């Protein structure tokens, strides 16, 4: 499924995407995130990505809620994006999570 970029100003989203693509290591990434976002926004993003990782490993909502302090609504939204979204979570998780850490679908 393709993402609907029409909800963003094209010039602004292009600049942001180019900025992320220009990051060369974790230190640069953290420096950029700290300047760009509040600590709370960074925490929210990290929690969502971690929730996606756990769901992909086959963890149930309750187990995810016990491990990460997020609402079931957040877990549901991440799950919906993971399964029916633009494919961003899957793409990134495929690149950063070793195969043996992905779990088995349907567990």
N, C-alpha and C. Protein backbone atom coordinates (compact mmCIF):
# COMPACT_ATOMS: atom_id res chain seq x y z
N UNK A 1 0.85 -1.18 0.00
CA UNK A 1 0.00 0.00 0.00
C UNK A 1 0.89 1.24 0.00
N UNK A 2 0.58 2.16 -0.89
CA UNK A 2 1.37 3.38 -0.96
C UNK A 2 0.87 4.40 0.05
N UNK A 3 1.80 5.16 0.61
CA UNK A 3 1.46 6.19 1.58
C UNK A 3 0.84 7.38 0.88
N UNK A 4 -0.07 8.06 1.56
CA UNK A 4 -0.70 9.26 1.01
C UNK A 4 0.08 10.48 1.45
N UNK A 5 1.00 10.92 0.60
CA UNK A 5 1.86 12.06 0.93
C UNK A 5 1.14 13.39 0.76
N UNK A 6 -0.09 13.38 0.22
CA UNK A 6 -0.81 14.63 -0.02
C UNK A 6 -1.12 15.38 1.27
N UNK A 7 -1.12 14.69 2.40
CA UNK A 7 -1.43 15.36 3.67
C UNK A 7 -0.25 16.19 4.19
N UNK A 8 0.90 16.13 3.49
CA UNK A 8 2.08 16.88 3.89
C UNK A 8 2.41 17.92 2.82
N UNK A 9 3.00 19.01 3.23
CA UNK A 9 3.55 19.97 2.28
C UNK A 9 4.73 19.28 1.60
N UNK A 10 4.69 19.17 0.30
CA UNK A 10 5.68 18.38 -0.44
C UNK A 10 7.11 18.86 -0.21
N UNK A 11 7.32 20.16 -0.27
CA UNK A 11 8.67 20.69 -0.08
C UNK A 11 9.18 20.40 1.34
N UNK A 12 8.30 20.53 2.33
CA UNK A 12 8.70 20.31 3.72
C UNK A 12 8.97 18.83 3.99
N UNK A 13 8.11 17.94 3.51
CA UNK A 13 8.32 16.51 3.76
C UNK A 13 9.55 16.02 3.01
N UNK A 14 9.79 16.57 1.81
CA UNK A 14 11.01 16.21 1.07
C UNK A 14 12.25 16.59 1.88
N UNK A 15 12.24 17.78 2.45
CA UNK A 15 13.38 18.23 3.25
C UNK A 15 13.60 17.30 4.45
N UNK A 16 12.53 16.94 5.14
CA UNK A 16 12.65 16.05 6.29
C UNK A 16 13.17 14.68 5.87
N UNK A 17 12.63 14.12 4.80
CA UNK A 17 13.09 12.81 4.33
C UNK A 17 14.56 12.86 3.91
N UNK A 18 14.95 13.93 3.23
CA UNK A 18 16.35 14.08 2.84
C UNK A 18 17.25 14.21 4.07
N UNK A 19 16.75 14.89 5.10
CA UNK A 19 17.53 15.03 6.34
C UNK A 19 17.76 13.67 6.99
N UNK A 20 16.70 12.86 7.09
CA UNK A 20 16.86 11.53 7.68
C UNK A 20 17.78 10.67 6.82
N UNK A 21 17.65 10.76 5.51
CA UNK A 21 18.50 9.96 4.62
C UNK A 21 19.97 10.36 4.71
N UNK A 22 20.23 11.60 5.12
CA UNK A 22 21.62 12.08 5.22
C UNK A 22 22.31 11.65 6.51
N UNK A 23 21.55 11.13 7.47
CA UNK A 23 22.14 10.71 8.74
C UNK A 23 23.05 9.51 8.50
N UNK A 24 24.26 9.57 9.06
CA UNK A 24 25.26 8.53 8.78
C UNK A 24 25.51 7.57 9.93
N UNK A 25 25.07 7.90 11.15
CA UNK A 25 25.30 6.98 12.26
C UNK A 25 24.33 7.30 13.40
N UNK A 26 24.35 6.47 14.44
CA UNK A 26 23.44 6.64 15.57
C UNK A 26 23.64 7.96 16.30
N UNK A 27 24.89 8.38 16.42
CA UNK A 27 25.18 9.63 17.13
C UNK A 27 24.58 10.82 16.38
N UNK A 28 24.76 10.85 15.06
CA UNK A 28 24.16 11.92 14.26
C UNK A 28 22.65 11.89 14.36
N UNK A 29 22.10 10.70 14.34
CA UNK A 29 20.64 10.55 14.44
C UNK A 29 20.13 11.11 15.76
N UNK A 30 20.78 10.75 16.85
CA UNK A 30 20.33 11.22 18.16
C UNK A 30 20.47 12.73 18.27
N UNK A 31 21.55 13.29 17.77
CA UNK A 31 21.73 14.74 17.80
C UNK A 31 20.62 15.43 17.02
N UNK A 32 20.30 14.90 15.85
CA UNK A 32 19.24 15.49 15.03
C UNK A 32 17.88 15.38 15.73
N UNK A 33 17.58 14.20 16.27
CA UNK A 33 16.30 14.01 16.96
C UNK A 33 16.17 14.94 18.16
N UNK A 34 17.24 15.09 18.94
CA UNK A 34 17.19 15.96 20.11
C UNK A 34 16.95 17.43 19.73
N UNK A 35 17.50 17.85 18.60
CA UNK A 35 17.27 19.22 18.16
C UNK A 35 15.89 19.40 17.52
N UNK A 36 15.43 18.38 16.84
CA UNK A 36 14.19 18.46 16.07
C UNK A 36 12.94 18.29 16.92
N UNK A 37 13.03 17.45 17.95
CA UNK A 37 11.84 17.03 18.68
C UNK A 37 12.01 17.22 20.18
N UNK A 38 10.88 17.17 20.87
CA UNK A 38 10.92 17.16 22.33
C UNK A 38 11.28 15.75 22.80
N UNK A 39 11.71 15.64 24.03
CA UNK A 39 12.00 14.32 24.60
C UNK A 39 10.76 13.44 24.54
N UNK A 40 9.61 13.99 24.82
CA UNK A 40 8.35 13.22 24.79
C UNK A 40 8.07 12.70 23.38
N UNK A 41 8.30 13.52 22.36
CA UNK A 41 8.08 13.08 20.98
C UNK A 41 9.03 11.94 20.61
N UNK A 42 10.27 12.05 21.05
CA UNK A 42 11.24 10.98 20.80
C UNK A 42 10.80 9.70 21.52
N UNK A 43 10.36 9.83 22.77
CA UNK A 43 9.88 8.67 23.52
C UNK A 43 8.69 8.03 22.82
N UNK A 44 7.75 8.84 22.34
CA UNK A 44 6.57 8.30 21.65
C UNK A 44 6.99 7.52 20.41
N UNK A 45 7.91 8.07 19.64
CA UNK A 45 8.36 7.38 18.43
C UNK A 45 9.08 6.08 18.76
N UNK A 46 9.94 6.11 19.78
CA UNK A 46 10.68 4.90 20.13
C UNK A 46 9.73 3.82 20.64
N UNK A 47 8.72 4.23 21.41
CA UNK A 47 7.74 3.26 21.90
C UNK A 47 6.97 2.62 20.74
N UNK A 48 6.57 3.41 19.77
CA UNK A 48 5.81 2.88 18.63
C UNK A 48 6.64 1.87 17.85
N UNK A 49 7.90 2.20 17.60
CA UNK A 49 8.76 1.27 16.87
C UNK A 49 8.97 -0.01 17.67
N UNK A 50 9.16 0.12 18.98
CA UNK A 50 9.34 -1.06 19.83
C UNK A 50 8.07 -1.91 19.85
N UNK A 51 6.90 -1.26 19.90
CA UNK A 51 5.63 -1.98 19.84
C UNK A 51 5.53 -2.75 18.53
N UNK A 52 5.91 -2.12 17.42
CA UNK A 52 5.88 -2.80 16.13
C UNK A 52 6.79 -4.03 16.14
N UNK A 53 7.97 -3.89 16.74
CA UNK A 53 8.90 -5.01 16.84
C UNK A 53 8.29 -6.16 17.65
N UNK A 54 7.68 -5.84 18.78
CA UNK A 54 7.08 -6.87 19.63
C UNK A 54 5.90 -7.54 18.94
N UNK A 55 5.06 -6.76 18.27
CA UNK A 55 3.92 -7.34 17.56
C UNK A 55 4.39 -8.26 16.44
N UNK A 56 5.42 -7.85 15.76
CA UNK A 56 5.97 -8.67 14.69
C UNK A 56 6.57 -9.97 15.21
N UNK A 57 7.03 -9.94 16.46
CA UNK A 57 7.53 -11.16 17.11
C UNK A 57 6.39 -12.08 17.54
N UNK A 58 5.15 -11.61 17.38
CA UNK A 58 3.99 -12.42 17.73
C UNK A 58 3.46 -12.19 19.13
N UNK A 59 3.94 -11.16 19.81
CA UNK A 59 3.48 -10.86 21.17
C UNK A 59 2.03 -10.39 21.15
N UNK A 60 1.27 -10.80 22.16
CA UNK A 60 -0.12 -10.38 22.31
C UNK A 60 -0.17 -8.96 22.87
N UNK A 61 -1.30 -8.27 22.63
CA UNK A 61 -1.45 -6.90 23.12
C UNK A 61 -1.14 -6.78 24.60
N UNK A 62 -1.65 -7.70 25.41
CA UNK A 62 -1.44 -7.63 26.86
C UNK A 62 0.04 -7.71 27.20
N UNK A 63 0.75 -8.59 26.54
CA UNK A 63 2.19 -8.73 26.79
C UNK A 63 2.92 -7.46 26.38
N UNK A 64 2.49 -6.84 25.28
CA UNK A 64 3.10 -5.59 24.83
C UNK A 64 2.83 -4.48 25.85
N UNK A 65 1.58 -4.41 26.33
CA UNK A 65 1.21 -3.38 27.31
C UNK A 65 2.02 -3.54 28.60
N UNK A 66 2.32 -4.78 28.99
CA UNK A 66 3.11 -5.02 30.20
C UNK A 66 4.57 -4.62 30.00
N UNK A 67 5.07 -4.76 28.79
CA UNK A 67 6.48 -4.47 28.51
C UNK A 67 6.71 -2.99 28.20
N UNK A 68 5.74 -2.35 27.55
CA UNK A 68 5.87 -0.95 27.13
C UNK A 68 4.66 -0.21 27.67
N UNK A 69 4.87 0.91 28.32
CA UNK A 69 3.72 1.62 28.90
C UNK A 69 3.04 2.49 27.84
N UNK A 70 2.22 1.80 27.02
CA UNK A 70 1.40 2.46 26.01
C UNK A 70 -0.02 1.93 26.13
N UNK A 71 -0.95 2.67 25.58
CA UNK A 71 -2.36 2.26 25.63
C UNK A 71 -2.64 1.19 24.58
N UNK A 72 -3.75 0.49 24.77
CA UNK A 72 -4.16 -0.49 23.77
C UNK A 72 -4.50 0.21 22.45
N UNK A 73 -4.94 1.46 22.51
CA UNK A 73 -5.23 2.23 21.28
C UNK A 73 -3.94 2.45 20.48
N UNK A 74 -2.84 2.74 21.17
CA UNK A 74 -1.56 2.93 20.49
C UNK A 74 -1.11 1.61 19.87
N UNK A 75 -1.25 0.53 20.60
CA UNK A 75 -0.86 -0.78 20.09
C UNK A 75 -1.71 -1.13 18.87
N UNK A 76 -2.99 -0.85 18.94
CA UNK A 76 -3.89 -1.12 17.83
C UNK A 76 -3.51 -0.31 16.59
N UNK A 77 -3.18 0.96 16.80
CA UNK A 77 -2.78 1.82 15.67
C UNK A 77 -1.49 1.31 15.04
N UNK A 78 -0.52 0.95 15.87
CA UNK A 78 0.75 0.43 15.35
C UNK A 78 0.49 -0.87 14.60
N UNK A 79 -0.35 -1.73 15.15
CA UNK A 79 -0.67 -3.00 14.50
C UNK A 79 -1.32 -2.77 13.14
N UNK A 80 -2.23 -1.81 13.08
CA UNK A 80 -2.91 -1.48 11.82
C UNK A 80 -1.89 -0.98 10.79
N UNK A 81 -0.98 -0.11 11.23
CA UNK A 81 0.06 0.39 10.32
C UNK A 81 1.01 -0.73 9.90
N UNK A 82 1.34 -1.59 10.83
CA UNK A 82 2.24 -2.71 10.54
C UNK A 82 1.64 -3.63 9.48
N UNK A 83 0.34 -3.85 9.56
CA UNK A 83 -0.32 -4.78 8.65
C UNK A 83 -0.90 -4.15 7.39
N UNK A 84 -1.35 -2.91 7.48
CA UNK A 84 -2.06 -2.30 6.35
C UNK A 84 -1.51 -0.94 5.95
N UNK A 85 -0.42 -0.50 6.57
CA UNK A 85 0.13 0.83 6.31
C UNK A 85 0.98 0.88 5.06
N UNK A 86 1.84 1.86 5.02
CA UNK A 86 2.68 2.12 3.86
C UNK A 86 3.88 1.17 3.76
N UNK A 87 4.08 0.34 4.77
CA UNK A 87 5.18 -0.62 4.76
C UNK A 87 6.45 -0.14 5.44
N UNK A 88 6.39 1.04 6.05
CA UNK A 88 7.57 1.61 6.68
C UNK A 88 8.09 0.81 7.85
N UNK A 89 7.19 0.37 8.74
CA UNK A 89 7.63 -0.43 9.89
C UNK A 89 8.32 -1.70 9.41
N UNK A 90 7.69 -2.41 8.48
CA UNK A 90 8.26 -3.67 8.00
C UNK A 90 9.62 -3.45 7.34
N UNK A 91 9.71 -2.43 6.50
CA UNK A 91 10.96 -2.13 5.82
C UNK A 91 12.09 -1.90 6.81
N UNK A 92 11.86 -1.03 7.77
CA UNK A 92 12.90 -0.69 8.74
C UNK A 92 13.21 -1.87 9.65
N UNK A 93 12.18 -2.57 10.14
CA UNK A 93 12.44 -3.72 11.01
C UNK A 93 13.19 -4.82 10.27
N UNK A 94 12.89 -5.02 8.99
CA UNK A 94 13.65 -5.99 8.19
C UNK A 94 15.13 -5.64 8.16
N UNK A 95 15.42 -4.35 8.13
CA UNK A 95 16.81 -3.91 8.03
C UNK A 95 17.55 -3.93 9.36
N UNK A 96 16.85 -3.72 10.47
CA UNK A 96 17.57 -3.54 11.74
C UNK A 96 17.42 -4.68 12.73
N UNK A 97 16.46 -5.59 12.52
CA UNK A 97 16.25 -6.69 13.46
C UNK A 97 16.74 -7.98 12.82
N UNK A 98 17.71 -8.64 13.43
CA UNK A 98 18.19 -9.91 12.89
C UNK A 98 17.05 -10.91 12.72
N UNK A 99 17.15 -11.77 11.72
CA UNK A 99 16.10 -12.74 11.42
C UNK A 99 15.68 -13.56 12.62
N UNK A 100 16.62 -13.96 13.47
CA UNK A 100 16.28 -14.80 14.61
C UNK A 100 15.55 -14.04 15.71
N UNK A 101 15.44 -12.71 15.62
CA UNK A 101 14.73 -11.93 16.62
C UNK A 101 13.32 -11.54 16.15
N UNK A 102 12.92 -11.94 14.96
CA UNK A 102 11.65 -11.51 14.40
C UNK A 102 10.46 -12.31 14.91
N UNK A 103 10.71 -13.48 15.46
CA UNK A 103 9.60 -14.30 15.91
C UNK A 103 8.95 -14.99 14.73
N UNK A 104 7.87 -15.69 15.02
CA UNK A 104 7.15 -16.41 13.99
C UNK A 104 5.76 -15.82 13.88
N UNK A 105 5.34 -15.55 12.66
CA UNK A 105 3.99 -15.01 12.45
C UNK A 105 2.98 -15.97 13.04
N UNK A 106 2.00 -15.43 13.73
CA UNK A 106 0.92 -16.21 14.28
C UNK A 106 1.17 -16.82 15.63
N UNK A 107 2.31 -16.61 16.20
CA UNK A 107 2.60 -17.16 17.54
C UNK A 107 1.70 -16.55 18.58
